[in-house]
Protein backbone atom coordinates (compact mmCIF):
# COMPACT_ATOMS: atom_id res chain seq x y z
CA UNK A 1 -2.23 -52.28 46.97
CA UNK A 2 -2.11 -55.30 44.69
CA UNK A 3 -2.35 -59.08 44.46
CA UNK A 4 0.94 -60.85 45.16
CA UNK A 5 1.88 -64.54 45.16
CA UNK A 6 4.84 -65.77 47.21
CA UNK A 7 6.49 -69.14 47.58
CA UNK A 8 8.24 -70.53 50.68
CA UNK A 9 9.69 -73.89 51.65
CA UNK A 10 9.12 -75.60 54.97
CA UNK A 11 12.10 -76.14 57.23
CA UNK A 12 12.97 -79.00 59.54
CA UNK A 13 14.65 -78.04 62.80
CA UNK A 14 17.86 -79.88 63.59
CA UNK A 15 17.99 -78.22 67.01
CA UNK A 16 14.36 -77.86 67.96
CA UNK A 17 12.11 -74.96 68.82
CA UNK A 18 9.78 -76.34 71.50
CA UNK A 19 8.16 -73.90 73.89
CA UNK A 20 7.42 -70.18 74.08
CA UNK A 21 8.73 -67.56 76.46
CA UNK A 22 5.91 -65.16 75.56
CA UNK A 23 2.83 -66.58 73.83
CA UNK A 24 1.33 -63.19 72.98
CA UNK A 25 4.47 -62.08 71.11
CA UNK A 26 5.28 -65.63 69.95
CA UNK A 27 8.78 -65.42 71.40
CA UNK A 28 10.59 -68.79 71.52
CA UNK A 29 11.86 -70.07 74.83
CA UNK A 30 15.17 -71.01 73.22
CA UNK A 31 16.99 -70.64 69.93
CA UNK A 32 16.89 -73.19 67.12
CA UNK A 33 18.64 -74.26 63.93
CA UNK A 34 17.05 -75.70 60.81
CA UNK A 35 17.41 -76.81 57.21
CA UNK A 36 15.02 -75.41 54.60
CA UNK A 37 13.80 -78.14 52.20
CA UNK A 38 13.04 -77.78 48.51
CA UNK A 39 10.53 -80.67 48.51
CA UNK A 40 8.08 -78.96 50.89
CA UNK A 41 6.62 -75.94 49.11
CA UNK A 42 3.77 -73.55 49.95
CA UNK A 43 2.37 -70.95 47.56
CA UNK A 44 0.24 -68.13 48.95
CA UNK A 45 -1.61 -65.31 47.20
CA UNK A 46 -2.74 -62.19 49.08
CA UNK A 47 -5.12 -59.71 47.49
CA UNK A 48 -5.83 -56.51 49.44
CA UNK A 49 -8.80 -54.60 48.05
CA UNK A 50 -11.29 -51.98 49.24
CA UNK A 51 -13.89 -54.09 47.42
CA UNK A 52 -13.53 -56.93 49.95
CA UNK A 53 -16.03 -56.82 52.82
CA UNK A 54 -14.02 -59.14 55.06
CA UNK A 55 -10.85 -61.19 55.25
CA UNK A 56 -11.16 -64.62 53.65
CA UNK A 57 -8.73 -67.52 53.94
CA UNK A 58 -8.73 -70.48 51.54
CA UNK A 59 -6.36 -73.36 52.35
CA UNK A 60 -5.71 -76.13 49.85
CA UNK A 61 -8.75 -75.08 47.86
CA UNK A 62 -11.21 -75.03 50.78
CA UNK A 63 -12.48 -72.22 53.00
CA UNK A 64 -10.61 -72.39 56.31
CA UNK A 65 -12.50 -70.29 58.89
CA UNK A 66 -10.83 -72.08 61.83
CA UNK A 67 -7.39 -70.99 60.61
CA UNK A 68 -8.53 -67.47 59.73
CA UNK A 69 -7.73 -66.02 63.18
CA UNK A 70 -3.96 -66.54 63.01
CA UNK A 71 -3.92 -65.36 59.40
CA UNK A 72 -5.83 -62.20 60.35
CA UNK A 73 -3.39 -61.56 63.17
CA UNK A 74 -0.50 -61.33 60.71
CA UNK A 75 -2.59 -59.35 58.21
CA UNK A 76 -3.42 -56.84 60.96
CA UNK A 77 0.29 -56.34 61.67
CA UNK A 78 0.87 -55.65 57.97
CA UNK A 79 -2.12 -53.28 57.75
CA UNK A 80 -0.97 -51.33 60.79
CA UNK A 81 2.54 -50.96 59.41
CA UNK A 82 1.33 -49.99 55.92
CA UNK A 83 -1.39 -47.64 57.18
CA UNK A 84 -4.18 -49.37 55.27
CA UNK A 85 -7.56 -50.79 56.27
CA UNK A 86 -8.44 -52.90 53.22
CA UNK A 87 -9.51 -56.48 53.81
CA UNK A 88 -7.65 -59.32 52.13
CA UNK A 89 -8.48 -62.52 50.30
CA UNK A 90 -5.77 -65.10 50.99
CA UNK A 91 -5.37 -68.38 49.13
CA UNK A 92 -2.66 -70.82 50.23
CA UNK A 93 -1.69 -74.21 48.84
CA UNK A 94 0.66 -76.69 50.49
CA UNK A 95 2.22 -79.06 47.99
CA UNK A 96 2.63 -81.63 50.75
CA UNK A 97 0.42 -82.88 53.65
CA UNK A 98 -0.99 -80.06 55.79
CA UNK A 99 -0.91 -79.95 59.61
CA UNK A 100 0.61 -83.43 59.91
CA UNK A 101 4.04 -82.68 61.32
CA UNK A 102 5.82 -81.50 58.16
CA UNK A 103 6.08 -77.83 59.16
CA UNK A 104 3.34 -76.52 56.86
CA UNK A 105 2.75 -73.60 59.26
CA UNK A 106 6.39 -72.55 58.79
CA UNK A 107 6.23 -72.35 55.02
CA UNK A 108 2.66 -71.05 55.15
CA UNK A 109 3.35 -68.05 57.38
CA UNK A 110 6.66 -67.28 55.66
CA UNK A 111 4.85 -67.12 52.31
CA UNK A 112 2.04 -65.10 53.89
CA UNK A 113 4.46 -62.58 55.41
CA UNK A 114 6.18 -61.98 52.09
CA UNK A 115 3.01 -61.88 49.99
CA UNK A 116 1.03 -59.69 52.42
CA UNK A 117 3.80 -57.17 53.00
CA UNK A 118 4.48 -56.85 49.27
CA UNK A 119 0.77 -56.58 48.43
CA UNK A 120 0.45 -53.78 51.01
CA UNK A 121 3.33 -51.87 49.44
CA UNK A 122 5.86 -52.49 52.21
CA UNK A 123 9.55 -53.03 51.53
CA UNK A 124 10.86 -55.04 54.46
CA UNK A 125 14.40 -56.28 54.98
CA UNK A 126 14.94 -60.04 55.33
CA UNK A 127 15.37 -59.64 59.10
CA UNK A 128 12.14 -57.65 59.33
CA UNK A 129 10.38 -60.37 57.36
CA UNK A 130 11.60 -63.02 59.81
CA UNK A 131 10.24 -60.99 62.73
CA UNK A 132 6.89 -60.59 60.97
CA UNK A 133 6.66 -64.27 60.01
CA UNK A 134 7.59 -65.35 63.55
CA UNK A 135 4.51 -63.61 64.91
CA UNK A 136 2.37 -65.95 62.82
CA UNK A 137 4.34 -69.12 63.53
CA UNK A 138 7.57 -69.38 65.51
CA UNK A 139 9.24 -71.66 62.97
CA UNK A 140 8.14 -69.51 60.00
CA UNK A 141 10.96 -67.05 60.65
CA UNK A 142 13.44 -69.71 59.56
CA UNK A 143 11.62 -70.35 56.25
CA UNK A 144 12.35 -66.82 55.06
CA UNK A 145 15.87 -68.06 54.26
CA UNK A 146 17.18 -71.05 52.36
CA UNK A 147 19.79 -73.55 53.53
CA UNK A 148 20.76 -73.72 57.20
CA UNK A 149 19.11 -71.09 59.37
CA UNK A 150 19.63 -70.01 62.98
CA UNK A 151 16.75 -68.59 65.01
CA UNK A 152 17.69 -66.28 67.89
CA UNK A 153 15.37 -66.37 70.90
CA UNK A 154 16.13 -62.72 71.71
CA UNK A 155 14.88 -60.64 74.62
CA UNK A 156 12.25 -58.61 72.75
CA UNK A 157 10.17 -59.01 69.61
CA UNK A 158 12.80 -57.11 67.59
CA UNK A 159 15.66 -59.32 68.75
CA UNK A 160 13.90 -62.65 68.10
CA UNK A 161 14.83 -63.14 64.45
CA UNK A 162 16.38 -65.64 62.05
CA UNK A 163 19.49 -65.46 59.90
CA UNK A 164 21.20 -67.81 57.44
CA UNK A 165 24.20 -69.89 58.52
CA UNK A 166 26.75 -70.52 55.74
CA UNK A 167 28.15 -74.04 55.65
CA UNK A 168 30.09 -76.24 53.22
CA UNK A 169 27.46 -78.90 53.95
CA UNK A 170 24.59 -77.05 52.28
CA UNK A 171 25.05 -78.65 48.86
CA UNK A 172 25.97 -82.08 50.21
CA UNK A 173 23.10 -82.76 52.60
CA UNK A 174 19.80 -84.41 51.80
CA UNK A 175 16.73 -85.03 53.94
CA UNK A 176 14.81 -88.25 53.36
CA UNK A 177 11.26 -87.90 54.68
CA UNK A 178 9.36 -91.06 55.65
CA UNK A 179 5.63 -90.32 55.75
CA UNK A 180 3.82 -92.35 58.40
CA UNK A 181 0.06 -92.84 58.34
CA UNK A 182 -0.60 -91.20 54.99
CA UNK A 183 0.04 -87.65 56.21
CA UNK A 184 -3.19 -87.42 58.20
CA UNK A 185 -3.60 -84.35 60.45
CA UNK A 186 -2.00 -84.82 63.85
CA UNK A 187 -4.03 -85.06 67.05
CA UNK A 188 -2.06 -82.51 69.08
CA UNK A 189 -1.40 -79.09 67.53
CA UNK A 190 2.10 -77.80 68.18
CA UNK A 191 1.04 -74.62 69.98
CA UNK A 192 -1.19 -76.36 72.51
CA UNK A 193 1.31 -79.20 72.92
CA UNK A 194 4.17 -76.79 73.68
CA UNK A 195 2.13 -74.99 76.32
CA UNK A 196 0.98 -78.25 77.93
CA UNK A 197 4.55 -79.57 77.93
CA UNK A 198 5.94 -76.41 79.52
CA UNK A 199 3.24 -76.50 82.20
CA UNK A 200 3.34 -80.19 83.12
CA UNK A 201 6.50 -81.99 81.98
CA UNK A 202 9.07 -82.55 84.74
CA UNK A 203 11.72 -82.72 82.00
CA UNK A 204 10.98 -79.33 80.47
CA UNK A 205 13.52 -77.32 82.48
CA UNK A 206 16.22 -79.82 81.52
CA UNK A 207 15.18 -79.49 77.87
CA UNK A 208 15.70 -75.72 77.98
CA UNK A 209 19.14 -76.22 79.55
CA UNK A 210 20.07 -78.65 76.77
CA UNK A 211 19.23 -76.47 73.75
CA UNK A 212 22.08 -73.88 73.98
CA UNK A 213 24.65 -76.67 74.30
CA UNK A 214 23.19 -78.51 71.32
CA UNK A 215 23.17 -75.30 69.27
CA UNK A 216 26.86 -74.76 69.96
CA UNK A 217 27.70 -78.31 68.81
CA UNK A 218 25.53 -77.97 65.69
CA UNK A 219 27.05 -74.62 64.73
CA UNK A 220 30.57 -76.02 65.04
CA UNK A 221 29.57 -78.94 62.81
CA UNK A 222 28.20 -76.55 60.18
CA UNK A 223 31.33 -74.42 60.27
CA UNK A 224 33.63 -77.41 59.80
CA UNK A 225 31.42 -79.35 57.40
CA UNK A 226 31.10 -82.31 59.78
CA UNK A 227 27.91 -84.12 58.73
CA UNK A 228 28.31 -86.91 61.29
CA UNK A 229 28.57 -84.43 64.16
CA UNK A 230 25.56 -82.51 62.87
CA UNK A 231 23.49 -85.67 62.45
CA UNK A 232 24.43 -87.02 65.87
CA UNK A 233 23.37 -83.87 67.72
CA UNK A 234 20.21 -83.49 65.60
CA UNK A 235 19.05 -87.01 66.47
CA UNK A 236 19.86 -86.57 70.15
CA UNK A 237 18.04 -83.23 70.27
CA UNK A 238 14.91 -84.65 68.60
CA UNK A 239 14.76 -87.56 71.02
CA UNK A 240 15.16 -85.16 73.96
CA UNK A 241 12.27 -83.03 72.70
CA UNK A 242 10.00 -86.03 72.32
CA UNK A 243 11.05 -87.40 75.72
CA UNK A 244 10.01 -84.08 77.24
CA UNK A 245 6.64 -84.28 75.49
CA UNK A 246 6.10 -87.91 76.48
CA UNK A 247 6.80 -86.99 80.12
CA UNK A 248 3.97 -84.40 80.05
CA UNK A 249 0.91 -85.20 82.18
CA UNK A 250 -1.08 -86.50 80.42
CA UNK A 251 1.53 -87.59 77.92
CA UNK A 252 1.84 -86.16 74.41
CA UNK A 253 2.88 -89.03 72.16
CA UNK A 254 3.24 -88.34 68.45
CA UNK A 255 4.93 -91.61 67.61
CA UNK A 256 3.17 -94.53 65.98
CA UNK A 257 4.48 -98.12 65.78
CA UNK A 258 5.82 -97.33 62.31
CA UNK A 259 7.73 -94.36 63.74
CA UNK A 260 9.62 -96.71 66.05
CA UNK A 261 10.24 -99.14 63.20
CA UNK A 262 11.75 -96.37 61.06
CA UNK A 263 13.96 -95.23 63.94
CA UNK A 264 15.28 -98.78 64.30
CA UNK A 265 15.84 -98.92 60.55
CA UNK A 266 17.88 -95.73 60.67
CA UNK A 267 20.10 -97.14 63.41
CA UNK A 268 20.63 -100.30 61.33
CA UNK A 269 21.59 -98.22 58.30
CA UNK A 270 24.11 -96.31 60.38
CA UNK A 271 25.57 -99.57 61.71
CA UNK A 272 26.09 -100.52 58.06
CA UNK A 273 28.16 -97.33 57.55
CA UNK A 274 25.39 -95.40 55.80
CA UNK A 275 25.11 -91.71 56.67
CA UNK A 276 21.69 -91.60 58.36
CA UNK A 277 20.46 -89.69 61.40
CA UNK A 278 16.81 -89.27 62.38
CA UNK A 279 14.90 -86.20 63.47
CA UNK A 280 11.18 -85.73 64.16
CA UNK A 281 8.90 -82.80 64.76
CA UNK A 282 5.44 -82.71 66.34
CA UNK A 283 4.09 -85.62 64.32
CA UNK A 284 4.75 -89.29 63.50
CA UNK A 285 6.93 -88.78 60.42
CA UNK A 286 10.66 -89.41 60.49
CA UNK A 287 13.10 -87.19 58.62
CA UNK A 288 16.52 -88.66 57.98
CA UNK A 289 19.52 -86.39 57.56
CA UNK A 290 21.91 -87.95 55.08
CA UNK A 291 24.37 -87.16 52.29
CA UNK A 292 23.81 -86.77 48.57
CA UNK A 293 25.77 -90.01 48.10
CA UNK A 294 23.58 -92.09 50.46
CA UNK A 295 20.17 -90.47 49.94
CA UNK A 296 18.85 -92.95 47.36
CA UNK A 297 19.95 -95.94 49.43
CA UNK A 298 18.28 -94.50 52.54
CA UNK A 299 15.06 -93.77 50.62
CA UNK A 300 14.90 -97.26 49.10
CA UNK A 301 15.47 -98.83 52.49
CA UNK A 302 12.76 -96.78 54.22
CA UNK A 303 10.22 -97.67 51.51
CA UNK A 304 10.50 -101.26 52.74
CA UNK A 305 9.29 -100.41 56.27
CA UNK A 306 5.68 -101.50 56.81
CA UNK A 307 3.46 -98.48 57.49
CA UNK A 308 5.59 -95.98 55.56
CA UNK A 309 3.15 -94.62 53.00
CA UNK A 310 5.47 -92.33 51.07
CA UNK A 311 9.13 -91.32 50.95
CA UNK A 312 10.46 -88.00 49.70
CA UNK A 313 14.06 -86.97 49.11
CA UNK A 314 14.82 -83.29 49.53
CA UNK A 315 17.81 -81.09 48.93
CA UNK A 316 18.36 -77.78 50.67
CA UNK A 317 15.66 -75.33 49.67
CA UNK A 318 15.83 -71.71 48.52
CA UNK A 319 14.78 -68.54 50.32
CA UNK A 320 11.14 -67.48 50.24
CA UNK A 321 10.30 -65.07 47.44
CA UNK A 322 7.65 -63.25 45.46
CA UNK A 323 6.81 -65.22 42.31
CA UNK A 324 4.15 -63.00 40.72
CA UNK A 325 2.40 -59.67 41.13
């Protein structure tokens, strides 16, 4: 056993993961496809030791007892597989706003899976790491890899895994992230929102029917290097996800007035022949898929929208990895 630090980047889904088939095993209701981003980084240190009386979780420099349960769940999986009983001290830092709709749980649990398994002496394959990370957060499986990543819904816990998707677009794409509302924590956590949406939204069944078709279109776009086709389906898929959430009873609405203003701005950019397509996760922020050639123009334009408090430009990010032992 040892202390290990790992780094992982958050990913933004272009075809969304929204809903679980099995909450206990954290199995997604449908597949998904994402882009890992180098601007959204989490670093996590795990220290297993017989000297520790209990598991401790520190997030962004503060004790986080409310988040300890999910962390312990993944630690228990690692302990069972490694045949150890030692408690762990875990310290995690997000170098971007936490729990605000920027996929911090994805990078957080990917980094935790790598650091914890390595600290426990396990040598897991990349696929095994995606399965482990998924059991902490469904989207974390995708953050094990860099670039474009496909998540398979699978039929069992061993067949619900992620894998990289090669594409000539990987070096050309950029994601411009418009932060709305200063990155404050969101009011509806993704897990609870997914469950509520599945239980009450009359559009949910239609959403599940839509995802496989959108995945097929997105995968063809990646294979052929067609950024416009990828952006078009990503924007349509994000709007469908949010429509499903808004139709829940009572409604789940992540958007703020600034969100709508940014969406209108993106459409105006596209009308001016700028490569710009919007996507959004469970939060008010807007991420704009664009090209390396248009990224600075898109970022400068979005900084002019009232209510946008920050703008980040991100290239494709690397795979998660151990950075120190």
